[in-house]
Amino acid sequence: MPLWLVFHPPNTFDTQDAKQALANDITKIYTSAGLPAFYVTVQFILSPTSSCFVGGKPETERPFIRISVDHIAVHSNNDTGMHARITARVDAALKPHLADKGYDWEYHIDETARGLWKINGLVPPPYKSEAEQLWASANKASVWEKGRL
């Protein structure tokens, strides 16, 4: 389960098409690694420019986008090579939506303990397991052997 919180000022991500395009590119990061699309949640949170301070000063020169990401489904296990691959995929997905538009931006990724995660009361199946592949093909959670309510 990746959860992306995209904090953005007015006049950025102000159309459904702009939000949809970024959400699609973010979702592709995870589906290309075999995760079900429905694991990916992207929330756009409008943050007035008067509420965003960078370095103690209001951010008024260029739009500033702050992204907070939580990973639960798959962990990097402090593997620096995996960190580089993950951030390269994230950078590539964000580039056309942020860097190419001249925005200032930053993100961070936290990894939450997988044992503290459920979907519809179900324990998600192990990564790349047959049960997870069924969830991915159906694009929804369903009861599986070890994930009962």
C-alpha atoms as a PDB file:
ATOM      1  CA  MET A   1       0.000   0.000   0.000  1.00  0.00           C
ATOM      2  CA  PRO A   2       1.600   3.175  -1.077  1.00  0.00           C
ATOM      3  CA  LEU A   3      -0.150   6.282   0.178  1.00  0.00           C
ATOM      4  CA  TRP A   4       0.859   9.521  -1.503  1.00  0.00           C
ATOM      5  CA  LEU A   5      -0.122  12.869   0.034  1.00  0.00           C
ATOM      6  CA  VAL A   6       0.493  15.672  -2.461  1.00  0.00           C
ATOM      7  CA  PHE A   7       0.420  19.086  -0.778  1.00  0.00           C
ATOM      8  CA  HIS A   8       0.076  21.761  -3.449  1.00  0.00           C
ATOM      9  CA  PRO A   9      -0.741  25.469  -3.738  1.00  0.00           C
ATOM     10  CA  PRO A  10      -3.584  26.925  -5.805  1.00  0.00           C
ATOM     11  CA  ASN A  11      -3.092  26.928  -9.583  1.00  0.00           C
ATOM     12  CA  THR A  12      -1.282  23.568  -9.485  1.00  0.00           C
ATOM     13  CA  PHE A  13      -3.217  20.351  -9.931  1.00  0.00           C
ATOM     14  CA  ASP A  14      -6.310  22.483 -10.343  1.00  0.00           C
ATOM     15  CA  THR A  15      -7.925  20.266 -12.971  1.00  0.00           C
ATOM     16  CA  GLN A  16      -9.121  16.691 -12.768  1.00  0.00           C
ATOM     17  CA  ASP A  17      -6.966  15.873 -15.811  1.00  0.00           C
ATOM     18  CA  ALA A  18      -3.785  17.118 -14.081  1.00  0.00           C
ATOM     19  CA  LYS A  19      -4.561  15.069 -10.971  1.00  0.00           C
ATOM     20  CA  GLN A  20      -5.481  12.007 -13.014  1.00  0.00           C
ATOM     21  CA  ALA A  21      -2.269  12.175 -15.055  1.00  0.00           C
ATOM     22  CA  LEU A  22      -0.062  12.273 -11.943  1.00  0.00           C
ATOM     23  CA  ALA A  23      -2.106   9.572 -10.181  1.00  0.00           C
ATOM     24  CA  ASN A  24      -1.744   7.348 -13.268  1.00  0.00           C
ATOM     25  CA  ASP A  25       2.028   7.830 -13.389  1.00  0.00           C
ATOM     26  CA  ILE A  26       2.342   7.124  -9.670  1.00  0.00           C
ATOM     27  CA  THR A  27       0.204   3.988  -9.960  1.00  0.00           C
ATOM     28  CA  LYS A  28       2.403   2.701 -12.813  1.00  0.00           C
ATOM     29  CA  ILE A  29       5.422   2.756 -10.468  1.00  0.00           C
ATOM     30  CA  TYR A  30       3.762   0.045  -8.395  1.00  0.00           C
ATOM     31  CA  THR A  31       1.820  -1.964 -10.962  1.00  0.00           C
ATOM     32  CA  SER A  32       5.030  -2.364 -12.965  1.00  0.00           C
ATOM     33  CA  ALA A  33       6.455  -4.088  -9.852  1.00  0.00           C
ATOM     34  CA  GLY A  34       3.466  -6.430  -9.697  1.00  0.00           C
ATOM     35  CA  LEU A  35       1.374  -4.722  -7.027  1.00  0.00           C
ATOM     36  CA  PRO A  36      -2.395  -4.400  -7.442  1.00  0.00           C
ATOM     37  CA  ALA A  37      -3.457  -0.970  -8.703  1.00  0.00           C
ATOM     38  CA  PHE A  38      -5.993  -0.596  -5.892  1.00  0.00           C
ATOM     39  CA  TYR A  39      -3.155  -0.598  -3.355  1.00  0.00           C
ATOM     40  CA  VAL A  40      -2.138   2.875  -4.592  1.00  0.00           C
ATOM     41  CA  THR A  41      -3.839   5.882  -3.001  1.00  0.00           C
ATOM     42  CA  VAL A  42      -3.015   9.445  -4.074  1.00  0.00           C
ATOM     43  CA  GLN A  43      -4.592  12.346  -2.218  1.00  0.00           C
ATOM     44  CA  PHE A  44      -4.247  15.922  -3.425  1.00  0.00           C
ATOM     45  CA  ILE A  45      -4.306  18.386  -0.545  1.00  0.00           C
ATOM     46  CA  LEU A  46      -4.720  22.036  -1.433  1.00  0.00           C
ATOM     47  CA  SER A  47      -2.407  24.160   0.693  1.00  0.00           C
ATOM     48  CA  PRO A  48      -2.892  27.931   0.457  1.00  0.00           C
ATOM     49  CA  THR A  49       0.335  29.823  -0.231  1.00  0.00           C
ATOM     50  CA  SER A  50      -0.189  31.667   3.062  1.00  0.00           C
ATOM     51  CA  SER A  51       0.108  28.311   4.850  1.00  0.00           C
ATOM     52  CA  CYS A  52       3.389  27.111   3.347  1.00  0.00           C
ATOM     53  CA  PHE A  53       6.687  28.311   4.756  1.00  0.00           C
ATOM     54  CA  VAL A  54      10.055  27.114   3.479  1.00  0.00           C
ATOM     55  CA  GLY A  55      13.085  28.134   5.496  1.00  0.00           C
ATOM     56  CA  GLY A  56      10.795  30.177   7.752  1.00  0.00           C
ATOM     57  CA  LYS A  57       9.507  32.301   4.878  1.00  0.00           C
ATOM     58  CA  PRO A  58       6.249  32.116   2.946  1.00  0.00           C
ATOM     59  CA  GLU A  59       6.732  30.346  -0.386  1.00  0.00           C
ATOM     60  CA  THR A  60       5.621  32.960  -2.900  1.00  0.00           C
ATOM     61  CA  GLU A  61       8.148  32.933  -5.762  1.00  0.00           C
ATOM     62  CA  ARG A  62       7.364  29.563  -7.328  1.00  0.00           C
ATOM     63  CA  PRO A  63       4.829  26.890  -6.506  1.00  0.00           C
ATOM     64  CA  PHE A  64       6.191  24.486  -3.902  1.00  0.00           C
ATOM     65  CA  ILE A  65       4.889  20.914  -3.910  1.00  0.00           C
ATOM     66  CA  ARG A  66       5.543  18.677  -0.891  1.00  0.00           C
ATOM     67  CA  ILE A  67       4.902  14.950  -1.168  1.00  0.00           C
ATOM     68  CA  SER A  68       4.768  12.463   1.681  1.00  0.00           C
ATOM     69  CA  VAL A  69       4.789   8.774   0.736  1.00  0.00           C
ATOM     70  CA  ASP A  70       4.108   5.763   2.964  1.00  0.00           C
ATOM     71  CA  HIS A  71       5.151   2.313   1.753  1.00  0.00           C
ATOM     72  CA  ILE A  72       3.712  -0.738   3.457  1.00  0.00           C
ATOM     73  CA  ALA A  73       3.306  -3.526   0.882  1.00  0.00           C
ATOM     74  CA  VAL A  74       7.006  -3.860   0.038  1.00  0.00           C
ATOM     75  CA  HIS A  75      10.049  -2.741   2.016  1.00  0.00           C
ATOM     76  CA  SER A  76      13.540  -1.882   0.849  1.00  0.00           C
ATOM     77  CA  ASN A  77      15.212  -3.427   3.925  1.00  0.00           C
ATOM     78  CA  ASN A  78      17.723  -0.547   3.941  1.00  0.00           C
ATOM     79  CA  ASP A  79      19.111  -1.729   0.598  1.00  0.00           C
ATOM     80  CA  THR A  80      20.801   1.349  -0.897  1.00  0.00           C
ATOM     81  CA  GLY A  81      20.557  -0.127  -4.391  1.00  0.00           C
ATOM     82  CA  MET A  82      16.815  -0.534  -3.960  1.00  0.00           C
ATOM     83  CA  HIS A  83      16.582   3.012  -2.587  1.00  0.00           C
ATOM     84  CA  ALA A  84      18.274   4.286  -5.749  1.00  0.00           C
ATOM     85  CA  ARG A  85      15.900   2.302  -7.992  1.00  0.00           C
ATOM     86  CA  ILE A  86      12.817   3.478  -6.083  1.00  0.00           C
ATOM     87  CA  THR A  87      13.808   7.149  -6.076  1.00  0.00           C
ATOM     88  CA  ALA A  88      14.760   6.971  -9.776  1.00  0.00           C
ATOM     89  CA  ARG A  89      11.257   5.658 -10.581  1.00  0.00           C
ATOM     90  CA  VAL A  90       9.655   8.314  -8.395  1.00  0.00           C
ATOM     91  CA  ASP A  91      11.783  11.066  -9.976  1.00  0.00           C
ATOM     92  CA  ALA A  92      10.853   9.903 -13.476  1.00  0.00           C
ATOM     93  CA  ALA A  93       7.142   9.804 -12.612  1.00  0.00           C
ATOM     94  CA  LEU A  94       7.205  13.278 -11.041  1.00  0.00           C
ATOM     95  CA  LYS A  95       9.383  15.027 -13.622  1.00  0.00           C
ATOM     96  CA  PRO A  96       6.711  15.931 -16.196  1.00  0.00           C
ATOM     97  CA  HIS A  97       4.285  17.036 -13.483  1.00  0.00           C
ATOM     98  CA  LEU A  98       6.680  19.071 -11.313  1.00  0.00           C
ATOM     99  CA  ALA A  99      10.221  19.638 -12.563  1.00  0.00           C
ATOM    100  CA  ASP A 100       9.193  20.302 -16.174  1.00  0.00           C
ATOM    101  CA  LYS A 101       6.694  22.909 -14.939  1.00  0.00           C
ATOM    102  CA  GLY A 102       9.365  24.757 -12.957  1.00  0.00           C
ATOM    103  CA  TYR A 103       7.924  23.978  -9.530  1.00  0.00           C
ATOM    104  CA  ASP A 104      10.010  23.593  -6.407  1.00  0.00           C
ATOM    105  CA  TRP A 105       9.353  20.208  -4.850  1.00  0.00           C
ATOM    106  CA  GLU A 106      10.487  17.570  -2.439  1.00  0.00           C
ATOM    107  CA  TYR A 107       9.339  14.197  -1.225  1.00  0.00           C
ATOM    108  CA  HIS A 108      10.142  11.584   1.358  1.00  0.00           C
ATOM    109  CA  ILE A 109       9.217   7.931   1.645  1.00  0.00           C
ATOM    110  CA  ASP A 110       8.489   6.191   4.954  1.00  0.00           C
ATOM    111  CA  GLU A 111       8.199   2.444   5.365  1.00  0.00           C
ATOM    112  CA  THR A 112       5.502   1.274   7.764  1.00  0.00           C
ATOM    113  CA  ALA A 113       5.445  -2.178   9.344  1.00  0.00           C
ATOM    114  CA  ARG A 114       3.458  -4.492   7.068  1.00  0.00           C
ATOM    115  CA  GLY A 115       1.868  -6.204  10.071  1.00  0.00           C
ATOM    116  CA  LEU A 116      -0.039  -3.000  10.880  1.00  0.00           C
ATOM    117  CA  TRP A 117      -1.893  -2.945   7.530  1.00  0.00           C
ATOM    118  CA  LYS A 118      -5.255  -4.356   6.499  1.00  0.00           C
ATOM    119  CA  ILE A 119      -7.627  -3.773   3.595  1.00  0.00           C
ATOM    120  CA  ASN A 120     -11.345  -4.181   4.281  1.00  0.00           C
ATOM    121  CA  GLY A 121     -10.366  -6.045   7.445  1.00  0.00           C
ATOM    122  CA  LEU A 122      -8.191  -8.491   5.501  1.00  0.00           C
ATOM    123  CA  VAL A 123      -4.491  -9.114   5.955  1.00  0.00           C
ATOM    124  CA  PRO A 124      -3.006  -8.584   2.479  1.00  0.00           C
ATOM    125  CA  PRO A 125      -1.260 -11.575   0.937  1.00  0.00           C
ATOM    126  CA  PRO A 126       2.539 -11.716   0.731  1.00  0.00           C
ATOM    127  CA  TYR A 127       4.257  -9.797  -2.044  1.00  0.00           C
ATOM    128  CA  LYS A 128       4.250 -11.644  -5.389  1.00  0.00           C
ATOM    129  CA  SER A 129       2.280 -14.548  -3.913  1.00  0.00           C
ATOM    130  CA  GLU A 130      -0.434 -16.326  -5.870  1.00  0.00           C
ATOM    131  CA  ALA A 131      -3.069 -14.671  -3.666  1.00  0.00           C
ATOM    132  CA  GLU A 132      -1.640 -11.203  -4.346  1.00  0.00           C
ATOM    133  CA  GLN A 133      -1.617 -11.938  -8.082  1.00  0.00           C
ATOM    134  CA  LEU A 134      -5.331 -12.800  -7.798  1.00  0.00           C
ATOM    135  CA  TRP A 135      -5.941  -9.521  -6.001  1.00  0.00           C
ATOM    136  CA  ALA A 136      -4.046  -7.691  -8.759  1.00  0.00           C
ATOM    137  CA  SER A 137      -6.000  -9.347 -11.584  1.00  0.00           C
ATOM    138  CA  ALA A 138      -9.345  -8.668  -9.853  1.00  0.00           C
ATOM    139  CA  ASN A 139      -8.134  -5.212  -8.714  1.00  0.00           C
ATOM    140  CA  LYS A 140      -9.813  -5.710  -5.349  1.00  0.00           C
ATOM    141  CA  ALA A 141      -9.327  -7.436  -2.024  1.00  0.00           C
ATOM    142  CA  SER A 142     -10.852 -10.850  -1.391  1.00  0.00           C
ATOM    143  CA  VAL A 143     -10.678 -13.452   1.343  1.00  0.00           C
ATOM    144  CA  TRP A 144      -7.658 -15.709   1.047  1.00  0.00           C
ATOM    145  CA  GLU A 145      -6.417 -18.582   3.190  1.00  0.00           C
ATOM    146  CA  LYS A 146      -4.397 -16.652   5.797  1.00  0.00           C
ATOM    147  CA  GLY A 147      -6.139 -13.284   5.565  1.00  0.00           C
ATOM    148  CA  ARG A 148      -9.516 -14.015   7.097  1.00  0.00           C
ATOM    149  CA  LEU A 149     -11.544 -11.406   8.933  1.00  0.00           C
END
